[in-house]
Amino acid sequence: MRKWFLNAMTFILISVLLLAGCASDSNKPAQGDAKSVKQEITMNALSEPPAIDPALATDTTSGWILDHLFEGLYTKDKNGDVVLGTAKDVKVSDDKTKYTITIRDDAKWSNGDPVKAEDYAYAWNRVLNPETGSAFAFHLYYIKGAEEYNKGTGKLENVGIRVIDEKTLEVELKAPLGFFDKLLAFWTYYPVNKSVVEGNKNWAAEANTLVSNGAYTMTEWKHNSNLIIEKNKNYWNKKDVSMEKVTWKMVVDATTYYQMYKTEELDLIQTLPTDAIEQEKQNKEFKNVPYFGTYMYMFNVKKEPFTNEKVRRAFALAIDREALTKNISKGGEKPAYSFVPSGVKEPSGKDYREVKPGYFKYDPAEGKKLLEEAMKEEGWSKLPEVTLMYNTAETHKKMAEAVQQMLNKNLNINVQIANQEWKTYLETTNQHNFQMARMGWVGVYEDPIPVLDYYLGDSPNNRTQWVNEEYDSLLKQAKVEQDDAKRFELMHKAEDVLMKDLPFIPIYHYSNNYLTSSKYKDIVYPVNRFPYVRWATKTSN
């Protein structure tokens, strides 16, 4: 009896311990429970962002960071749809030219200041102020009086931006604009904190002085090394932000950042080394995304030999884009024989690019003939020396070398190549110190207008020095045309003019390749921006 009692007690004790152990384990987060995982991600910006200032940023690297730090009156949701951002209400007049915008009561800056209507008015007027030197001021030209003020022919008080009260802003347009909400979600329309900017002219140069109103605030910026942003505790919609901390490294060498991804030093990379793309296509972490932009080479039409249109066309015809996309870029890019990419539906239901597929084809024999004609016209016994410039990156280097070889083989031209770091490169090309130079352009929204705007005669982004009054006039008409079918017709005519004069060579329409760690979900990959990670979740360590 005693033995039975002891055995029974032993069984009960063991059972209690097991139950206790089970209860203890049930209170521990399961492996992979997002609540137990630090919500942090590390990506690669490739290079130092040239300007974390909404008025001065012109590049996708700066824009990538700005889109996480700031928020406009409108923003985009995780589906890519334009929705209200800092604005809580927008009323539009019957003639669709006047917008009365009410700002959210709980909208705050990262330093705790309330976001005011005056911050928006001040930010936009600052973009338009000629002394600011904003290359993207033309994006605000839809506002009444904005263009005149920016060009020095009008006054600030005539610009259609009015502060009604602390939380109400009124904007008057020159004409109705169906995509104004999309523009208001673009970084050039982001607000800046007036008191911060006026108190420190270098407010956007360091992490400890930069004040933002979006999902994140900058906490560290080691120039040319890394930049860190963390969730903004003062952001009105912070409950909609899952990722707590985002780090951008600045590693330009593709082989290096690819290895950093493989060793888990980076969680997401774009622009894979070309040699790695094919082997990674079967990887579940690989993602290919269409990108609404064009890779190109600009010509300086004021510098020989590109003063002659036939030389420019000869170069265009001598480049085999099929070979470049198949053997060099290898990332699913589409050979470009036009400027505007596909991806925009016309009223007819057809894609814009389907209506007019391309303007020329690979034809080295015709290119050689045109070059000979041009040399005879100019009296050149030998073609002036040509240097092709590109910004430092492995893919740009390989592309430039391949183009160099094609021009040598097909036109018997010995082109020199040179490279510069991105920030220096932008300064060099802005000063027109080049003959032929690599560039890329991505539409800020999906429409031909923001693409074609690049080559407007007065666009600061148009580094070619090409100016065509007919082109400018057609685009100006398109921007106020209310009949959508006629609007597309005008845009096609404008592109016809551009592709006839060819102040540039389109090479391919972009496609972005990414590797993203399988530890993350809900990252958004837009067609005209780099990934948004505010909604992302890290699911395991």
Protein backbone atom coordinates (compact mmCIF):
# COMPACT_ATOMS: atom_id res chain seq x y z
CA MET A 1 0.00 0.00 0.00
CA ARG A 2 2.83 2.35 0.92
CA LYS A 3 4.63 1.53 -2.34
CA TRP A 4 1.46 2.26 -4.31
CA PHE A 5 1.07 5.60 -2.50
CA LEU A 6 4.67 6.62 -3.26
CA ASN A 7 4.29 5.72 -6.94
CA ALA A 8 1.06 7.69 -7.12
CA MET A 9 2.63 10.75 -5.52
CA THR A 10 5.60 10.51 -7.88
CA PHE A 11 3.24 10.40 -10.87
CA ILE A 12 1.29 13.40 -9.60
CA LEU A 13 4.49 15.40 -8.99
CA ILE A 14 5.82 14.65 -12.47
CA SER A 15 2.45 15.56 -13.99
CA VAL A 16 2.40 18.87 -12.12
CA LEU A 17 5.92 19.71 -13.29
CA LEU A 18 5.03 18.87 -16.88
CA LEU A 19 1.90 20.98 -16.69
CA ALA A 20 3.90 23.83 -15.16
CA GLY A 21 6.42 23.52 -17.94
CA CYS A 22 3.66 23.62 -20.56
CA ALA A 23 2.09 26.64 -18.94
CA SER A 24 5.44 28.40 -18.84
CA ASP A 25 6.11 27.68 -22.54
CA SER A 26 2.65 28.88 -23.56
CA ASN A 27 3.44 32.33 -22.18
CA LYS A 28 6.58 32.63 -24.31
CA PRO A 29 6.22 34.15 -27.78
CA ALA A 30 6.44 31.51 -30.46
CA GLN A 31 9.49 31.51 -32.73
CA GLY A 32 8.72 33.95 -35.53
CA ASP A 33 6.09 35.91 -33.56
CA ALA A 34 6.61 39.49 -34.87
CA LYS A 35 6.12 40.87 -31.34
CA SER A 36 9.32 39.14 -30.24
CA VAL A 37 11.31 40.38 -33.22
CA LYS A 38 12.92 43.80 -33.44
CA GLN A 39 11.19 45.67 -36.24
CA GLU A 40 14.30 46.90 -38.05
CA ILE A 41 15.48 46.71 -41.65
CA THR A 42 18.76 47.59 -43.36
CA MET A 43 18.84 48.56 -47.04
CA ASN A 44 21.36 50.05 -49.43
CA ALA A 45 21.04 53.58 -50.84
CA LEU A 46 24.10 52.96 -53.07
CA SER A 47 25.39 56.49 -52.49
CA GLU A 48 25.11 59.56 -50.29
CA PRO A 49 21.73 61.26 -50.93
CA PRO A 50 22.52 64.63 -52.55
CA ALA A 51 19.72 66.56 -50.82
CA ILE A 52 17.32 65.66 -48.00
CA ASP A 53 15.43 68.88 -48.60
CA PRO A 54 12.07 68.73 -50.45
CA ALA A 55 12.91 71.90 -52.35
CA LEU A 56 16.29 70.73 -53.61
CA ALA A 57 15.98 66.97 -54.13
CA THR A 58 15.95 65.86 -57.77
CA ASP A 59 17.06 62.23 -57.56
CA THR A 60 15.43 58.93 -56.62
CA THR A 61 17.89 58.23 -53.78
CA SER A 62 17.01 61.46 -51.96
CA GLY A 63 13.35 60.93 -52.82
CA TRP A 64 13.40 57.43 -51.31
CA ILE A 65 14.47 58.82 -47.95
CA LEU A 66 12.26 61.91 -48.15
CA ASP A 67 9.20 59.74 -48.77
CA HIS A 68 9.78 58.03 -45.42
CA LEU A 69 10.54 61.24 -43.51
CA PHE A 70 7.88 63.63 -44.82
CA GLU A 71 4.21 63.56 -45.78
CA GLY A 72 2.27 65.77 -48.16
CA LEU A 73 -1.35 66.88 -48.08
CA TYR A 74 -1.97 63.67 -50.00
CA THR A 75 0.03 60.45 -49.74
CA LYS A 76 -0.11 56.91 -51.12
CA ASP A 77 -1.48 53.88 -49.34
CA LYS A 78 0.03 50.39 -49.51
CA ASN A 79 -1.96 49.70 -52.69
CA GLY A 80 -0.41 52.71 -54.42
CA ASP A 81 -3.65 54.72 -54.38
CA VAL A 82 -3.53 58.43 -53.61
CA VAL A 83 -5.28 59.17 -50.30
CA LEU A 84 -5.46 62.08 -47.88
CA GLY A 85 -2.26 62.54 -45.90
CA THR A 86 -1.73 65.54 -43.65
CA ALA A 87 -4.97 66.99 -45.05
CA LYS A 88 -8.20 65.86 -43.39
CA ASP A 89 -10.49 67.55 -45.91
CA VAL A 90 -10.21 69.01 -49.42
CA LYS A 91 -12.94 71.04 -51.10
CA VAL A 92 -12.73 71.85 -54.82
CA SER A 93 -14.59 74.74 -56.47
CA ASP A 94 -17.14 74.13 -59.22
CA ASP A 95 -14.68 75.25 -61.89
CA LYS A 96 -12.06 72.89 -60.39
CA THR A 97 -9.39 75.57 -60.08
CA LYS A 98 -9.60 76.42 -56.38
CA TYR A 99 -8.72 73.97 -53.60
CA THR A 100 -9.54 74.69 -49.96
CA ILE A 101 -7.53 72.30 -47.81
CA THR A 102 -7.94 71.67 -44.09
CA ILE A 103 -4.95 70.23 -42.22
CA ARG A 104 -5.41 67.61 -39.52
CA ASP A 105 -5.56 68.93 -35.95
CA ASP A 106 -3.20 66.19 -34.76
CA ALA A 107 -0.57 66.69 -37.50
CA LYS A 108 2.75 67.46 -35.83
CA TRP A 109 6.40 67.89 -36.68
CA SER A 110 8.95 65.49 -35.21
CA ASN A 111 9.94 68.22 -32.72
CA GLY A 112 6.34 68.47 -31.49
CA ASP A 113 5.36 71.68 -33.32
CA PRO A 114 1.93 71.63 -34.96
CA VAL A 115 1.91 71.39 -38.76
CA LYS A 116 0.33 74.61 -40.00
CA ALA A 117 -1.04 75.83 -43.32
CA GLU A 118 1.74 78.40 -43.21
CA ASP A 119 4.33 75.59 -43.33
CA TYR A 120 2.94 74.44 -46.67
CA ALA A 121 2.66 77.95 -48.09
CA TYR A 122 6.18 78.75 -46.93
CA ALA A 123 7.56 75.48 -48.37
CA TRP A 124 5.97 75.99 -51.80
CA ASN A 125 6.93 79.65 -52.02
CA ARG A 126 10.46 78.63 -51.04
CA VAL A 127 10.54 76.16 -53.95
CA LEU A 128 9.37 78.91 -56.31
CA ASN A 129 11.73 81.58 -54.95
CA PRO A 130 14.41 82.01 -57.68
CA GLU A 131 17.06 82.37 -54.97
CA THR A 132 16.40 78.81 -53.76
CA GLY A 133 17.45 77.43 -57.14
CA SER A 134 15.02 74.51 -57.04
CA ALA A 135 15.38 72.37 -60.17
CA PHE A 136 11.88 70.98 -59.57
CA ALA A 137 10.09 74.33 -59.27
CA PHE A 138 8.37 73.67 -62.60
CA HIS A 139 6.24 70.99 -60.89
CA LEU A 140 4.43 73.89 -59.18
CA TYR A 141 3.79 75.84 -62.37
CA TYR A 142 0.18 74.61 -62.39
CA ILE A 143 -0.47 77.09 -59.57
CA LYS A 144 -1.62 80.54 -60.64
CA GLY A 145 1.29 83.01 -60.78
CA ALA A 146 3.87 80.36 -59.80
CA GLU A 147 5.76 80.25 -63.09
CA GLU A 148 5.95 84.02 -63.37
CA TYR A 149 7.30 84.38 -59.83
CA ASN A 150 9.88 81.63 -60.34
CA LYS A 151 11.09 83.17 -63.60
CA GLY A 152 11.32 86.67 -62.15
CA THR A 153 8.48 88.18 -64.18
CA GLY A 154 5.86 88.07 -61.40
CA LYS A 155 5.50 88.82 -57.70
CA LEU A 156 5.10 86.52 -54.71
CA GLU A 157 1.82 88.16 -53.70
CA ASN A 158 0.32 87.10 -57.06
CA VAL A 159 1.02 83.41 -56.51
CA GLY A 160 -2.22 81.46 -55.91
CA ILE A 161 -1.28 80.16 -52.45
CA ARG A 162 -3.20 81.65 -49.50
CA VAL A 163 -3.17 80.91 -45.77
CA ILE A 164 -6.77 81.32 -44.58
CA ASP A 165 -6.08 80.40 -40.97
CA GLU A 166 -3.71 78.19 -38.98
CA LYS A 167 -5.15 74.97 -40.43
CA THR A 168 -6.61 76.10 -43.76
CA LEU A 169 -4.77 76.53 -47.06
CA GLU A 170 -6.23 77.79 -50.32
CA VAL A 171 -4.61 76.98 -53.66
CA GLU A 172 -5.69 78.46 -56.99
CA LEU A 173 -4.65 76.74 -60.24
CA LYS A 174 -4.22 78.30 -63.68
CA ALA A 175 -6.59 75.68 -65.11
CA PRO A 176 -8.34 72.50 -63.94
CA LEU A 177 -5.89 69.66 -63.38
CA GLY A 178 -7.11 66.09 -63.07
CA PHE A 179 -3.95 64.81 -61.40
CA PHE A 180 -3.35 67.57 -58.85
CA ASP A 181 -3.91 65.13 -55.98
CA LYS A 182 -1.05 62.99 -57.34
CA LEU A 183 1.22 66.02 -57.48
CA LEU A 184 0.39 66.89 -53.88
CA ALA A 185 1.76 63.48 -52.86
CA PHE A 186 5.13 64.24 -54.52
CA TRP A 187 8.12 65.37 -52.45
CA THR A 188 8.46 68.84 -54.03
CA TYR A 189 5.05 69.59 -52.45
CA TYR A 190 6.09 68.40 -48.97
CA PRO A 191 5.97 71.00 -46.18
CA VAL A 192 8.93 72.28 -44.20
CA ASN A 193 8.87 73.70 -40.69
CA LYS A 194 9.16 77.43 -41.30
CA SER A 195 10.76 78.31 -37.95
CA VAL A 196 13.34 75.51 -38.30
CA VAL A 197 14.34 76.46 -41.86
CA GLU A 198 14.56 80.17 -41.08
CA GLY A 199 16.57 79.43 -37.93
CA ASN A 200 19.25 77.35 -39.67
CA LYS A 201 20.10 77.48 -43.37
CA ASN A 202 21.76 74.05 -43.03
CA TRP A 203 18.75 72.49 -41.29
CA ALA A 204 18.64 69.51 -43.70
CA ALA A 205 22.35 68.69 -43.60
CA GLU A 206 22.51 66.69 -40.35
CA ALA A 207 20.31 64.28 -38.42
CA ASN A 208 20.19 66.40 -35.26
CA THR A 209 18.84 69.47 -37.10
CA LEU A 210 16.45 67.90 -39.58
CA VAL A 211 12.77 68.14 -38.60
CA SER A 212 10.16 66.11 -40.50
CA ASN A 213 6.40 65.53 -40.39
CA GLY A 214 6.10 62.00 -41.76
CA ALA A 215 6.24 58.44 -40.48
CA TYR A 216 9.89 58.70 -39.43
CA THR A 217 12.47 61.05 -37.99
CA MET A 218 16.18 60.94 -38.77
CA THR A 219 18.34 59.82 -35.85
CA GLU A 220 21.74 59.33 -37.47
CA TRP A 221 23.53 60.41 -40.63
CA LYS A 222 27.14 59.42 -41.07
CA HIS A 223 27.83 60.98 -44.44
CA ASN A 224 28.87 58.56 -47.18
CA SER A 225 28.44 55.68 -44.73
CA ASN A 226 24.92 55.23 -43.37
CA LEU A 227 21.67 57.00 -42.53
CA ILE A 228 19.14 55.88 -39.90
CA ILE A 229 15.50 56.85 -39.42
CA GLU A 230 13.19 55.77 -36.60
CA LYS A 231 9.44 55.84 -36.08
CA ASN A 232 8.20 59.36 -35.44
CA LYS A 233 6.33 59.32 -32.11
CA ASN A 234 4.62 62.59 -33.10
CA TYR A 235 3.30 61.32 -36.45
CA TRP A 236 -0.50 61.55 -36.52
CA ASN A 237 -0.84 58.10 -38.13
CA LYS A 238 1.87 56.25 -36.19
CA LYS A 239 -0.45 53.28 -35.61
CA ASP A 240 -0.14 52.60 -39.33
CA VAL A 241 3.66 52.30 -39.13
CA SER A 242 4.95 48.78 -38.45
CA MET A 243 8.68 49.12 -39.10
CA GLU A 244 10.33 50.86 -36.15
CA LYS A 245 13.81 51.51 -37.55
CA VAL A 246 15.24 51.80 -41.07
CA THR A 247 18.93 51.94 -41.92
CA TRP A 248 20.41 52.78 -45.29
CA LYS A 249 24.01 51.82 -45.98
CA MET A 250 25.83 53.63 -48.80
CA VAL A 251 27.74 50.97 -50.72
CA VAL A 252 28.22 51.64 -54.43
CA ASP A 253 30.09 48.47 -55.44
CA ALA A 254 27.58 45.86 -56.58
CA THR A 255 29.70 42.83 -55.70
CA THR A 256 30.25 44.19 -52.20
CA TYR A 257 26.61 44.92 -51.39
CA TYR A 258 25.54 41.62 -52.93
CA GLN A 259 27.89 39.79 -50.55
CA MET A 260 26.59 41.93 -47.68
CA TYR A 261 23.11 40.70 -48.51
CA LYS A 262 24.29 37.09 -48.57
CA THR A 263 25.90 37.52 -45.13
CA GLU A 264 22.71 39.22 -43.83
CA GLU A 265 24.34 42.62 -43.33
CA LEU A 266 21.68 43.95 -45.70
CA ASP A 267 18.04 42.87 -45.77
CA LEU A 268 17.09 44.34 -49.13
CA ILE A 269 19.13 45.29 -52.17
CA GLN A 270 18.25 46.62 -55.60
CA THR A 271 20.30 46.81 -58.82
CA LEU A 272 21.83 43.36 -58.50
CA PRO A 273 25.22 42.62 -60.06
CA THR A 274 24.46 41.64 -63.64
CA ASP A 275 26.39 38.40 -63.24
CA ALA A 276 24.16 37.39 -60.32
CA ILE A 277 20.74 38.13 -61.85
CA GLU A 278 20.37 34.89 -63.81
CA GLN A 279 21.28 32.65 -60.89
CA GLU A 280 18.98 34.56 -58.51
CA LYS A 281 15.87 34.46 -60.71
CA GLN A 282 14.84 31.12 -59.17
CA ASN A 283 15.41 32.44 -55.65
CA LYS A 284 12.12 33.04 -53.79
CA GLU A 285 13.71 36.24 -52.44
CA PHE A 286 14.15 37.63 -55.97
CA LYS A 287 11.62 40.16 -57.25
CA ASN A 288 11.37 41.90 -60.62
CA VAL A 289 9.25 45.08 -60.75
CA PRO A 290 8.46 47.30 -63.77
CA TYR A 291 9.78 50.82 -63.23
CA PHE A 292 8.19 53.82 -64.96
CA GLY A 293 11.35 55.36 -66.32
CA THR A 294 13.99 55.39 -69.04
CA TYR A 295 17.76 54.80 -69.04
CA MET A 296 19.40 57.12 -71.56
CA TYR A 297 22.45 59.00 -72.77
CA MET A 298 22.08 62.77 -73.05
CA PHE A 299 23.81 64.83 -75.72
CA ASN A 300 25.07 68.34 -75.13
CA VAL A 301 23.78 69.87 -78.36
CA LYS A 302 26.02 72.91 -77.91
CA LYS A 303 29.22 70.83 -78.03
CA GLU A 304 30.65 69.22 -81.14
CA PRO A 305 30.02 66.77 -82.65
CA PHE A 306 26.51 66.68 -81.20
CA THR A 307 25.63 70.07 -82.59
CA ASN A 308 24.68 68.11 -85.71
CA GLU A 309 21.39 66.16 -85.54
CA LYS A 310 22.66 63.53 -87.97
CA VAL A 311 25.53 62.65 -85.61
CA ARG A 312 23.06 62.21 -82.77
CA ARG A 313 20.86 59.96 -84.90
CA ALA A 314 23.87 57.99 -86.13
CA PHE A 315 24.83 57.22 -82.54
CA ALA A 316 21.23 56.18 -81.78
CA LEU A 317 21.08 53.79 -84.75
CA ALA A 318 24.47 52.21 -83.98
CA ILE A 319 23.52 50.92 -80.52
CA ASP A 320 22.05 47.42 -80.27
CA ARG A 321 19.59 47.68 -77.39
CA GLU A 322 18.50 44.06 -77.64
CA ALA A 323 22.10 42.98 -77.02
CA LEU A 324 22.51 45.46 -74.15
CA THR A 325 19.41 44.30 -72.26
CA LYS A 326 20.09 40.61 -72.93
CA ASN A 327 23.83 40.53 -72.23
CA ILE A 328 24.63 43.55 -70.03
CA SER A 329 21.73 44.70 -67.87
CA LYS A 330 20.00 41.26 -67.88
CA GLY A 331 17.25 42.44 -65.53
CA GLY A 332 14.15 42.27 -67.69
CA GLU A 333 14.53 45.79 -69.07
CA LYS A 334 12.79 46.60 -72.35
CA PRO A 335 14.84 48.07 -75.26
CA ALA A 336 13.77 51.70 -75.70
CA TYR A 337 13.08 53.33 -79.05
CA SER A 338 11.10 56.17 -77.49
CA PHE A 339 11.16 58.23 -74.31
CA VAL A 340 7.87 57.45 -72.52
CA PRO A 341 7.66 53.89 -71.13
CA SER A 342 4.62 51.67 -71.37
CA GLY A 343 2.20 51.56 -68.46
CA VAL A 344 -0.25 54.40 -69.21
CA LYS A 345 -3.72 53.63 -70.58
CA GLU A 346 -5.24 56.02 -73.11
CA PRO A 347 -9.01 56.73 -73.29
CA SER A 348 -9.20 54.16 -76.12
CA GLY A 349 -8.04 51.47 -73.68
CA LYS A 350 -4.72 51.04 -75.48
CA ASP A 351 -1.39 51.59 -73.80
CA TYR A 352 0.30 54.88 -74.73
CA ARG A 353 3.28 52.99 -76.09
CA GLU A 354 1.09 50.62 -78.09
CA VAL A 355 -0.37 53.56 -80.05
CA LYS A 356 3.11 54.55 -81.26
CA PRO A 357 5.56 51.71 -80.44
CA GLY A 358 8.90 53.23 -81.49
CA TYR A 359 10.64 55.87 -83.57
CA PHE A 360 13.65 54.03 -85.01
CA LYS A 361 15.38 50.65 -85.00
CA TYR A 362 18.89 49.29 -84.81
CA ASP A 363 20.43 50.14 -88.20
CA PRO A 364 24.24 50.57 -88.09
CA ALA A 365 24.52 50.88 -91.89
CA GLU A 366 22.15 53.85 -91.92
CA GLY A 367 24.00 55.26 -88.92
CA LYS A 368 27.31 55.14 -90.74
CA LYS A 369 25.78 56.85 -93.76
CA LEU A 370 24.35 59.65 -91.59
CA LEU A 371 27.69 60.13 -89.85
CA GLU A 372 29.49 60.50 -93.18
CA GLU A 373 26.88 63.05 -94.33
CA ALA A 374 27.29 65.02 -91.11
CA MET A 375 31.08 65.10 -91.38
CA LYS A 376 30.82 66.38 -94.94
CA GLU A 377 28.30 69.06 -93.90
CA GLU A 378 30.54 70.23 -91.04
CA GLY A 379 33.79 69.98 -93.00
CA TRP A 380 35.28 67.50 -90.52
CA SER A 381 37.99 65.23 -91.86
CA LYS A 382 37.98 63.54 -88.47
CA LEU A 383 35.16 63.42 -85.95
CA PRO A 384 35.84 65.59 -82.87
CA GLU A 385 36.85 63.47 -79.87
CA VAL A 386 33.93 62.20 -77.79
CA THR A 387 33.85 61.32 -74.09
CA LEU A 388 30.93 59.39 -72.65
CA MET A 389 30.39 60.08 -68.96
CA TYR A 390 28.55 58.01 -66.37
CA ASN A 391 28.05 58.08 -62.62
CA THR A 392 30.06 55.49 -60.72
CA ALA A 393 28.32 52.11 -60.57
CA GLU A 394 29.15 48.66 -61.88
CA THR A 395 26.11 48.45 -64.17
CA HIS A 396 26.76 51.89 -65.69
CA LYS A 397 30.40 50.99 -66.28
CA LYS A 398 29.54 47.77 -68.11
CA MET A 399 26.88 49.54 -70.15
CA ALA A 400 29.25 52.36 -71.14
CA GLU A 401 31.96 49.87 -72.15
CA ALA A 402 29.49 47.93 -74.30
CA VAL A 403 28.24 51.12 -76.00
CA GLN A 404 31.86 52.18 -76.53
CA GLN A 405 32.54 48.90 -78.35
CA MET A 406 29.38 49.17 -80.49
CA LEU A 407 30.22 52.70 -81.61
CA ASN A 408 33.72 51.58 -82.48
CA LYS A 409 32.51 48.55 -84.43
CA ASN A 410 29.57 50.18 -86.21
CA LEU A 411 30.77 53.76 -86.73
CA ASN A 412 34.55 53.36 -86.42
CA ILE A 413 34.61 55.91 -83.57
CA ASN A 414 36.95 55.71 -80.58
CA VAL A 415 34.86 57.03 -77.71
CA GLN A 416 36.52 57.70 -74.35
CA ILE A 417 34.65 56.92 -71.13
CA ALA A 418 34.86 58.67 -67.74
CA ASN A 419 33.01 58.41 -64.43
CA GLN A 420 32.28 60.50 -61.34
CA GLU A 421 30.55 59.93 -57.99
CA TRP A 422 26.83 60.76 -58.10
CA LYS A 423 26.80 64.12 -56.32
CA THR A 424 29.78 65.43 -58.32
CA TYR A 425 28.29 63.98 -61.49
CA LEU A 426 25.05 65.90 -61.01
CA GLU A 427 26.99 69.14 -60.55
CA THR A 428 29.12 68.46 -63.65
CA THR A 429 26.16 67.71 -65.91
CA ASN A 430 24.16 70.62 -64.49
CA GLN A 431 27.01 72.89 -65.58
CA HIS A 432 26.89 71.34 -69.07
CA ASN A 433 30.47 70.09 -68.76
CA PHE A 434 29.92 67.01 -70.89
CA GLN A 435 29.38 65.84 -74.46
CA MET A 436 27.48 62.61 -73.87
CA ALA A 437 26.33 61.50 -70.43
CA ARG A 438 24.26 58.78 -68.79
CA MET A 439 21.02 59.72 -67.11
CA GLY A 440 17.80 58.11 -65.98
CA TRP A 441 14.38 59.63 -65.54
CA VAL A 442 11.39 58.24 -63.68
CA GLY A 443 7.91 59.75 -63.89
CA VAL A 444 6.72 61.09 -60.55
CA TYR A 445 3.28 59.74 -61.43
CA GLU A 446 2.12 57.43 -64.22
CA ASP A 447 1.44 59.79 -67.10
CA PRO A 448 3.51 60.94 -70.13
CA ILE A 449 3.61 64.54 -68.85
CA PRO A 450 6.13 64.12 -65.98
CA VAL A 451 8.37 62.15 -68.35
CA LEU A 452 8.18 64.56 -71.30
CA ASP A 453 8.63 67.53 -68.93
CA TYR A 454 12.28 66.52 -68.60
CA TYR A 455 13.17 68.08 -71.97
CA LEU A 456 11.24 71.33 -71.65
CA GLY A 457 13.42 74.19 -72.78
CA ASP A 458 13.34 75.89 -69.38
CA SER A 459 13.51 72.73 -67.27
CA PRO A 460 16.58 72.78 -65.03
CA ASN A 461 16.74 69.00 -65.51
CA ASN A 462 17.26 69.42 -69.25
CA ARG A 463 21.04 69.40 -69.29
CA THR A 464 21.29 69.01 -73.08
CA GLN A 465 20.75 72.73 -73.87
CA TRP A 466 18.20 71.61 -76.48
CA VAL A 467 15.27 74.01 -76.74
CA ASN A 468 12.34 73.60 -79.10
CA GLU A 469 9.44 76.05 -78.99
CA GLU A 470 7.03 73.67 -80.71
CA TYR A 471 7.75 70.96 -78.13
CA ASP A 472 7.24 73.36 -75.24
CA SER A 473 4.01 74.71 -76.77
CA LEU A 474 2.52 71.24 -77.30
CA LEU A 475 3.18 70.25 -73.70
CA LYS A 476 1.78 73.53 -72.44
CA GLN A 477 -1.42 72.88 -74.39
CA ALA A 478 -1.59 69.28 -73.13
CA LYS A 479 -1.48 70.42 -69.50
CA VAL A 480 -4.66 72.49 -69.80
CA GLU A 481 -6.55 70.32 -72.31
CA GLN A 482 -9.69 68.93 -70.64
CA ASP A 483 -10.52 66.42 -73.39
CA ASP A 484 -8.38 63.41 -72.47
CA ALA A 485 -8.21 62.03 -76.02
CA LYS A 486 -6.96 65.39 -77.32
CA ARG A 487 -4.52 65.59 -74.40
CA PHE A 488 -2.92 62.30 -75.40
CA GLU A 489 -2.79 63.42 -79.03
CA LEU A 490 -0.86 66.54 -78.00
CA MET A 491 1.57 64.48 -75.92
CA HIS A 492 2.21 62.14 -78.85
CA LYS A 493 2.92 65.15 -81.09
CA ALA A 494 5.35 66.51 -78.51
CA GLU A 495 7.19 63.19 -78.36
CA ASP A 496 7.32 63.18 -82.17
CA VAL A 497 9.22 66.48 -82.06
CA LEU A 498 11.59 65.22 -79.35
CA MET A 499 12.38 61.98 -81.16
CA LYS A 500 12.99 63.82 -84.44
CA ASP A 501 15.64 66.08 -82.92
CA LEU A 502 17.06 63.42 -80.56
CA PRO A 503 18.90 65.47 -77.93
CA PHE A 504 19.33 62.11 -76.17
CA ILE A 505 19.48 58.36 -76.88
CA PRO A 506 16.94 56.16 -75.11
CA ILE A 507 18.57 52.84 -74.19
CA TYR A 508 15.98 50.88 -72.21
CA HIS A 509 12.87 51.25 -70.12
CA TYR A 510 13.63 50.35 -66.53
CA SER A 511 12.86 47.26 -64.56
CA ASN A 512 13.98 46.97 -60.94
CA ASN A 513 15.43 43.77 -59.55
CA TYR A 514 15.38 43.20 -55.79
CA LEU A 515 16.54 40.64 -53.31
CA THR A 516 14.54 40.86 -50.08
CA SER A 517 15.08 38.67 -47.05
CA SER A 518 12.25 36.17 -46.53
CA LYS A 519 12.13 37.36 -42.91
CA TYR A 520 10.08 40.36 -44.08
CA LYS A 521 6.55 40.73 -45.37
CA ASP A 522 4.35 43.58 -46.63
CA ILE A 523 7.11 45.66 -48.25
CA VAL A 524 5.61 47.80 -51.04
CA TYR A 525 7.40 48.01 -54.41
CA PRO A 526 6.02 51.02 -56.39
CA VAL A 527 6.50 51.36 -60.15
CA ASN A 528 8.04 54.82 -59.84
CA ARG A 529 9.81 54.76 -56.46
CA PHE A 530 12.07 52.51 -54.46
CA PRO A 531 10.40 50.30 -51.81
CA TYR A 532 8.25 51.67 -49.02
CA VAL A 533 8.87 49.82 -45.76
CA ARG A 534 6.65 51.63 -43.25
CA TRP A 535 4.05 48.82 -43.46
CA ALA A 536 6.65 46.03 -43.48
CA THR A 537 6.97 43.50 -40.70
CA LYS A 538 9.97 41.40 -39.76
CA THR A 539 8.57 37.98 -38.88
CA SER A 540 11.69 36.18 -37.58
CA ASN A 541 15.22 36.82 -36.40
